[in-house]
Amino acid sequence: QVQLVESGGGLVQAGGSLRLSCAASGSRLILNVMGWYHQAPGKQRELVASITNGGSTNYADSVMGRFTISRDNAKNTVILQMNSLKSDDTGVYYCNAANRWGDTYWGQGTQVTVSS
């Protein structure tokens, strides 16, 4: 089984920045895709950004140009650098990963609050 642990959330003013980290651990770590999802209070969970093991990235239109996803394969870690934060970014951010066999894993989430 794979465990994902997020960190880096917190309280920030609008226009500020946060850096989220997700560290994966387990006996087998073959994760083709890792990404970040955002769930605002009372709303559905939505994909923010994803990155493949080859480095290909995808971003939601709402965060393009503000957020950057990166991956450190040696440390089994995926990073979400969030800049120019706004109130709509408030919510819980979940790390997600999938392997070649279709298994999907979720972290427990880290809270981000943006004050305006």
N, C-alpha and C. Protein backbone atom coordinates (compact mmCIF):
# COMPACT_ATOMS: atom_id res chain seq x y z
N GLN A 1 0.84 -1.19 0.00
CA GLN A 1 0.00 0.00 0.00
C GLN A 1 0.88 1.25 0.00
N VAL A 2 0.37 2.30 -0.62
CA VAL A 2 1.08 3.56 -0.72
C VAL A 2 0.41 4.57 0.20
N GLN A 3 1.24 5.31 0.92
CA GLN A 3 0.75 6.36 1.80
C GLN A 3 1.22 7.71 1.28
N LEU A 4 0.30 8.68 1.24
CA LEU A 4 0.60 10.03 0.81
C LEU A 4 0.35 10.98 1.97
N VAL A 5 1.32 11.83 2.25
CA VAL A 5 1.23 12.77 3.35
C VAL A 5 1.48 14.17 2.83
N GLU A 6 0.48 15.05 2.99
CA GLU A 6 0.59 16.44 2.55
C GLU A 6 1.07 17.33 3.68
N SER A 7 1.71 18.42 3.29
CA SER A 7 2.13 19.43 4.26
C SER A 7 2.25 20.77 3.54
N GLY A 8 2.31 21.85 4.31
CA GLY A 8 2.55 23.17 3.76
C GLY A 8 1.35 24.09 3.73
N GLY A 9 0.17 23.59 4.09
CA GLY A 9 -0.99 24.45 4.11
C GLY A 9 -0.94 25.45 5.24
N GLY A 10 -1.83 26.43 5.19
CA GLY A 10 -1.87 27.43 6.22
C GLY A 10 -2.72 28.61 5.83
N LEU A 11 -2.55 29.69 6.56
CA LEU A 11 -3.28 30.93 6.34
C LEU A 11 -2.38 31.93 5.63
N VAL A 12 -2.90 32.54 4.58
CA VAL A 12 -2.13 33.50 3.81
C VAL A 12 -3.06 34.59 3.29
N GLN A 13 -2.55 35.79 3.15
CA GLN A 13 -3.33 36.88 2.60
C GLN A 13 -3.41 36.78 1.08
N ALA A 14 -4.47 37.35 0.52
CA ALA A 14 -4.61 37.37 -0.93
C ALA A 14 -3.39 38.00 -1.57
N GLY A 15 -2.92 37.38 -2.64
CA GLY A 15 -1.72 37.81 -3.31
C GLY A 15 -0.46 37.13 -2.82
N GLY A 16 -0.56 36.40 -1.73
CA GLY A 16 0.59 35.72 -1.18
C GLY A 16 0.83 34.37 -1.81
N SER A 17 1.75 33.62 -1.21
CA SER A 17 2.18 32.34 -1.77
C SER A 17 2.25 31.27 -0.70
N LEU A 18 2.04 30.03 -1.12
CA LEU A 18 2.24 28.85 -0.29
C LEU A 18 2.87 27.76 -1.14
N ARG A 19 3.57 26.87 -0.47
CA ARG A 19 4.20 25.74 -1.13
C ARG A 19 3.72 24.46 -0.46
N LEU A 20 2.97 23.65 -1.20
CA LEU A 20 2.45 22.39 -0.69
C LEU A 20 3.37 21.25 -1.11
N SER A 21 3.55 20.30 -0.22
CA SER A 21 4.38 19.15 -0.48
C SER A 21 3.60 17.88 -0.20
N CYS A 22 3.80 16.86 -1.02
CA CYS A 22 3.20 15.55 -0.83
C CYS A 22 4.30 14.51 -0.94
N ALA A 23 4.51 13.77 0.13
CA ALA A 23 5.53 12.74 0.18
C ALA A 23 4.88 11.37 0.14
N ALA A 24 5.34 10.52 -0.76
CA ALA A 24 4.82 9.16 -0.91
C ALA A 24 5.76 8.17 -0.25
N SER A 25 5.18 7.16 0.37
CA SER A 25 5.97 6.10 0.98
C SER A 25 5.26 4.77 0.79
N GLY A 26 6.03 3.69 0.82
CA GLY A 26 5.49 2.36 0.65
C GLY A 26 6.54 1.41 0.14
N SER A 27 6.18 0.12 0.10
CA SER A 27 7.12 -0.89 -0.37
C SER A 27 7.38 -0.82 -1.86
N ARG A 28 6.38 -0.41 -2.63
CA ARG A 28 6.51 -0.21 -4.07
C ARG A 28 5.98 1.17 -4.41
N LEU A 29 6.82 1.96 -5.06
CA LEU A 29 6.45 3.31 -5.44
C LEU A 29 6.62 3.47 -6.94
N ILE A 30 5.62 3.00 -7.68
CA ILE A 30 5.58 3.15 -9.12
C ILE A 30 4.34 3.96 -9.44
N LEU A 31 4.49 5.26 -9.39
CA LEU A 31 3.37 6.19 -9.50
C LEU A 31 3.48 6.94 -10.82
N ASN A 32 2.63 6.57 -11.77
CA ASN A 32 2.68 7.20 -13.09
C ASN A 32 2.25 8.65 -13.06
N VAL A 33 1.21 8.94 -12.28
CA VAL A 33 0.64 10.28 -12.23
C VAL A 33 0.47 10.69 -10.78
N MET A 34 0.89 11.90 -10.46
CA MET A 34 0.61 12.50 -9.17
C MET A 34 -0.01 13.87 -9.41
N GLY A 35 -0.90 14.25 -8.52
CA GLY A 35 -1.57 15.53 -8.71
C GLY A 35 -2.14 16.08 -7.44
N TRP A 36 -2.73 17.26 -7.58
CA TRP A 36 -3.36 17.96 -6.47
C TRP A 36 -4.80 18.28 -6.83
N TYR A 37 -5.69 18.02 -5.89
CA TYR A 37 -7.10 18.37 -6.01
C TYR A 37 -7.47 19.39 -4.96
N HIS A 38 -8.43 20.22 -5.29
CA HIS A 38 -8.91 21.27 -4.40
C HIS A 38 -10.40 21.05 -4.13
N GLN A 39 -10.78 21.14 -2.87
CA GLN A 39 -12.18 21.06 -2.49
C GLN A 39 -12.53 22.26 -1.63
N ALA A 40 -13.28 23.19 -2.21
CA ALA A 40 -13.75 24.35 -1.47
C ALA A 40 -14.88 23.93 -0.55
N PRO A 41 -15.13 24.67 0.51
CA PRO A 41 -16.21 24.33 1.44
C PRO A 41 -17.56 24.20 0.73
N GLY A 42 -18.21 23.06 0.91
CA GLY A 42 -19.52 22.83 0.32
C GLY A 42 -19.52 22.54 -1.17
N LYS A 43 -18.35 22.34 -1.77
CA LYS A 43 -18.27 22.12 -3.20
C LYS A 43 -17.54 20.82 -3.51
N GLN A 44 -17.63 20.39 -4.76
CA GLN A 44 -17.01 19.15 -5.18
C GLN A 44 -15.49 19.29 -5.30
N ARG A 45 -14.82 18.15 -5.23
CA ARG A 45 -13.38 18.12 -5.37
C ARG A 45 -13.00 18.24 -6.85
N GLU A 46 -12.05 19.11 -7.15
CA GLU A 46 -11.67 19.38 -8.53
C GLU A 46 -10.16 19.29 -8.69
N LEU A 47 -9.75 18.81 -9.85
CA LEU A 47 -8.33 18.70 -10.16
C LEU A 47 -7.73 20.09 -10.33
N VAL A 48 -6.60 20.32 -9.69
CA VAL A 48 -5.86 21.56 -9.81
C VAL A 48 -4.71 21.41 -10.79
N ALA A 49 -3.90 20.39 -10.59
CA ALA A 49 -2.73 20.16 -11.44
C ALA A 49 -2.28 18.73 -11.30
N SER A 50 -1.67 18.19 -12.34
CA SER A 50 -1.14 16.84 -12.31
C SER A 50 0.17 16.79 -13.07
N ILE A 51 0.95 15.76 -12.77
CA ILE A 51 2.24 15.58 -13.43
C ILE A 51 2.50 14.09 -13.58
N THR A 52 2.98 13.67 -14.75
CA THR A 52 3.30 12.28 -14.99
C THR A 52 4.73 11.98 -14.58
N ASN A 53 5.08 10.68 -14.57
CA ASN A 53 6.45 10.32 -14.25
C ASN A 53 7.44 10.82 -15.29
N GLY A 54 6.95 11.14 -16.49
CA GLY A 54 7.79 11.71 -17.52
C GLY A 54 7.89 13.23 -17.48
N GLY A 55 7.15 13.87 -16.59
CA GLY A 55 7.24 15.30 -16.43
C GLY A 55 6.18 16.11 -17.14
N SER A 56 5.23 15.46 -17.83
CA SER A 56 4.15 16.19 -18.49
C SER A 56 3.17 16.72 -17.46
N THR A 57 2.75 17.97 -17.62
CA THR A 57 1.88 18.62 -16.64
C THR A 57 0.57 19.06 -17.26
N ASN A 58 -0.45 19.14 -16.41
CA ASN A 58 -1.74 19.70 -16.77
C ASN A 58 -2.21 20.59 -15.63
N TYR A 59 -2.86 21.69 -15.99
CA TYR A 59 -3.36 22.64 -15.01
C TYR A 59 -4.80 23.01 -15.30
N ALA A 60 -5.55 23.24 -14.23
CA ALA A 60 -6.86 23.84 -14.39
C ALA A 60 -6.70 25.27 -14.88
N ASP A 61 -7.65 25.72 -15.70
CA ASP A 61 -7.57 27.07 -16.24
C ASP A 61 -7.49 28.12 -15.14
N SER A 62 -8.14 27.87 -14.02
CA SER A 62 -8.20 28.85 -12.96
C SER A 62 -6.87 29.09 -12.26
N VAL A 63 -5.93 28.16 -12.40
CA VAL A 63 -4.65 28.29 -11.71
C VAL A 63 -3.48 28.46 -12.66
N MET A 64 -3.71 28.32 -13.95
CA MET A 64 -2.64 28.42 -14.92
C MET A 64 -1.97 29.80 -14.84
N GLY A 65 -0.66 29.79 -14.77
CA GLY A 65 0.09 31.02 -14.62
C GLY A 65 0.32 31.43 -13.19
N ARG A 66 -0.39 30.83 -12.25
CA ARG A 66 -0.22 31.13 -10.83
C ARG A 66 0.40 29.97 -10.06
N PHE A 67 0.00 28.75 -10.40
CA PHE A 67 0.48 27.56 -9.70
C PHE A 67 1.46 26.80 -10.58
N THR A 68 2.41 26.13 -9.95
CA THR A 68 3.36 25.29 -10.65
C THR A 68 3.49 23.96 -9.92
N ILE A 69 3.33 22.86 -10.65
CA ILE A 69 3.50 21.54 -10.07
C ILE A 69 4.85 20.99 -10.52
N SER A 70 5.53 20.33 -9.61
CA SER A 70 6.82 19.72 -9.91
C SER A 70 6.94 18.42 -9.14
N ARG A 71 7.93 17.62 -9.53
CA ARG A 71 8.07 16.28 -8.97
C ARG A 71 9.54 15.98 -8.75
N ASP A 72 9.85 15.49 -7.58
CA ASP A 72 11.19 15.05 -7.24
C ASP A 72 11.13 13.53 -7.12
N ASN A 73 11.48 12.83 -8.20
CA ASN A 73 11.37 11.38 -8.21
C ASN A 73 12.30 10.71 -7.21
N ALA A 74 13.47 11.29 -7.00
CA ALA A 74 14.41 10.71 -6.05
C ALA A 74 13.86 10.71 -4.64
N LYS A 75 13.07 11.71 -4.30
CA LYS A 75 12.49 11.82 -2.97
C LYS A 75 11.03 11.40 -2.92
N ASN A 76 10.48 10.93 -4.04
CA ASN A 76 9.07 10.52 -4.12
C ASN A 76 8.15 11.61 -3.59
N THR A 77 8.36 12.81 -4.08
CA THR A 77 7.64 13.97 -3.59
C THR A 77 7.11 14.79 -4.76
N VAL A 78 5.90 15.30 -4.61
CA VAL A 78 5.33 16.22 -5.58
C VAL A 78 5.05 17.54 -4.87
N ILE A 79 5.35 18.64 -5.56
CA ILE A 79 5.25 19.97 -4.99
C ILE A 79 4.23 20.79 -5.77
N LEU A 80 3.46 21.58 -5.06
CA LEU A 80 2.58 22.56 -5.69
C LEU A 80 2.94 23.93 -5.15
N GLN A 81 3.58 24.74 -6.00
CA GLN A 81 3.91 26.11 -5.65
C GLN A 81 2.73 26.99 -6.05
N MET A 82 2.13 27.67 -5.08
CA MET A 82 0.94 28.47 -5.31
C MET A 82 1.29 29.94 -5.09
N ASN A 83 1.17 30.73 -6.14
CA ASN A 83 1.45 32.16 -6.09
C ASN A 83 0.18 32.93 -6.42
N SER A 84 0.20 34.21 -6.09
CA SER A 84 -0.94 35.10 -6.37
C SER A 84 -2.25 34.50 -5.88
N LEU A 85 -2.25 34.02 -4.66
CA LEU A 85 -3.42 33.35 -4.12
C LEU A 85 -4.59 34.31 -3.96
N LYS A 86 -5.79 33.79 -4.16
CA LYS A 86 -7.01 34.56 -4.01
C LYS A 86 -7.99 33.78 -3.14
N SER A 87 -9.06 34.44 -2.74
CA SER A 87 -9.99 33.84 -1.80
C SER A 87 -10.61 32.55 -2.34
N ASP A 88 -10.81 32.45 -3.64
CA ASP A 88 -11.41 31.25 -4.22
C ASP A 88 -10.51 30.03 -4.08
N ASP A 89 -9.23 30.23 -3.79
CA ASP A 89 -8.32 29.11 -3.60
C ASP A 89 -8.48 28.46 -2.23
N THR A 90 -9.25 29.06 -1.35
CA THR A 90 -9.46 28.52 -0.02
C THR A 90 -10.10 27.14 -0.08
N GLY A 91 -9.63 26.24 0.75
CA GLY A 91 -10.20 24.91 0.83
C GLY A 91 -9.15 23.89 1.22
N VAL A 92 -9.51 22.63 1.08
CA VAL A 92 -8.60 21.53 1.40
C VAL A 92 -7.97 21.04 0.11
N TYR A 93 -6.66 20.86 0.15
CA TYR A 93 -5.92 20.36 -0.99
C TYR A 93 -5.48 18.92 -0.71
N TYR A 94 -5.84 18.03 -1.63
CA TYR A 94 -5.56 16.61 -1.49
C TYR A 94 -4.54 16.17 -2.53
N CYS A 95 -3.56 15.43 -2.08
CA CYS A 95 -2.61 14.80 -2.99
C CYS A 95 -3.20 13.50 -3.52
N ASN A 96 -2.97 13.22 -4.79
CA ASN A 96 -3.50 12.04 -5.44
C ASN A 96 -2.41 11.39 -6.28
N ALA A 97 -2.42 10.06 -6.34
CA ALA A 97 -1.44 9.34 -7.13
C ALA A 97 -2.06 8.08 -7.70
N ALA A 98 -1.57 7.64 -8.85
CA ALA A 98 -2.04 6.43 -9.49
C ALA A 98 -0.86 5.67 -10.07
N ASN A 99 -0.93 4.35 -9.98
CA ASN A 99 0.13 3.52 -10.53
C ASN A 99 -0.29 2.93 -11.87
N ARG A 100 0.56 2.08 -12.43
CA ARG A 100 0.32 1.50 -13.75
C ARG A 100 -0.84 0.53 -13.77
N TRP A 101 -1.23 0.00 -12.61
CA TRP A 101 -2.28 -1.00 -12.54
C TRP A 101 -3.63 -0.40 -12.20
N GLY A 102 -3.74 0.91 -12.19
CA GLY A 102 -5.00 1.57 -11.95
C GLY A 102 -5.32 1.81 -10.50
N ASP A 103 -4.41 1.50 -9.59
CA ASP A 103 -4.65 1.78 -8.18
C ASP A 103 -4.51 3.28 -7.92
N THR A 104 -5.42 3.82 -7.15
CA THR A 104 -5.45 5.24 -6.83
C THR A 104 -5.30 5.45 -5.33
N TYR A 105 -4.51 6.45 -4.97
CA TYR A 105 -4.23 6.75 -3.57
C TYR A 105 -4.52 8.21 -3.28
N TRP A 106 -4.96 8.48 -2.06
CA TRP A 106 -5.28 9.83 -1.62
C TRP A 106 -4.60 10.14 -0.30
N GLY A 107 -4.13 11.37 -0.17
CA GLY A 107 -3.67 11.85 1.12
C GLY A 107 -4.83 12.32 1.97
N GLN A 108 -4.52 12.71 3.19
CA GLN A 108 -5.56 13.17 4.12
C GLN A 108 -5.97 14.61 3.89
N GLY A 109 -5.18 15.36 3.16
CA GLY A 109 -5.51 16.74 2.85
C GLY A 109 -4.80 17.73 3.75
N THR A 110 -4.57 18.91 3.22
CA THR A 110 -4.00 20.01 3.98
C THR A 110 -4.82 21.26 3.70
N GLN A 111 -5.10 22.01 4.75
CA GLN A 111 -5.99 23.16 4.64
C GLN A 111 -5.24 24.41 4.18
N VAL A 112 -5.87 25.13 3.27
CA VAL A 112 -5.36 26.41 2.79
C VAL A 112 -6.47 27.45 2.97
N THR A 113 -6.15 28.53 3.64
CA THR A 113 -7.10 29.61 3.84
C THR A 113 -6.48 30.91 3.34
N VAL A 114 -7.17 31.57 2.43
CA VAL A 114 -6.71 32.83 1.85
C VAL A 114 -7.65 33.93 2.31
N SER A 115 -7.12 34.89 3.02
CA SER A 115 -7.90 36.01 3.51
C SER A 115 -7.84 37.17 2.52
N SER A 116 -8.95 37.89 2.39
CA SER A 116 -9.03 38.99 1.46
C SER A 116 -9.17 40.33 2.17
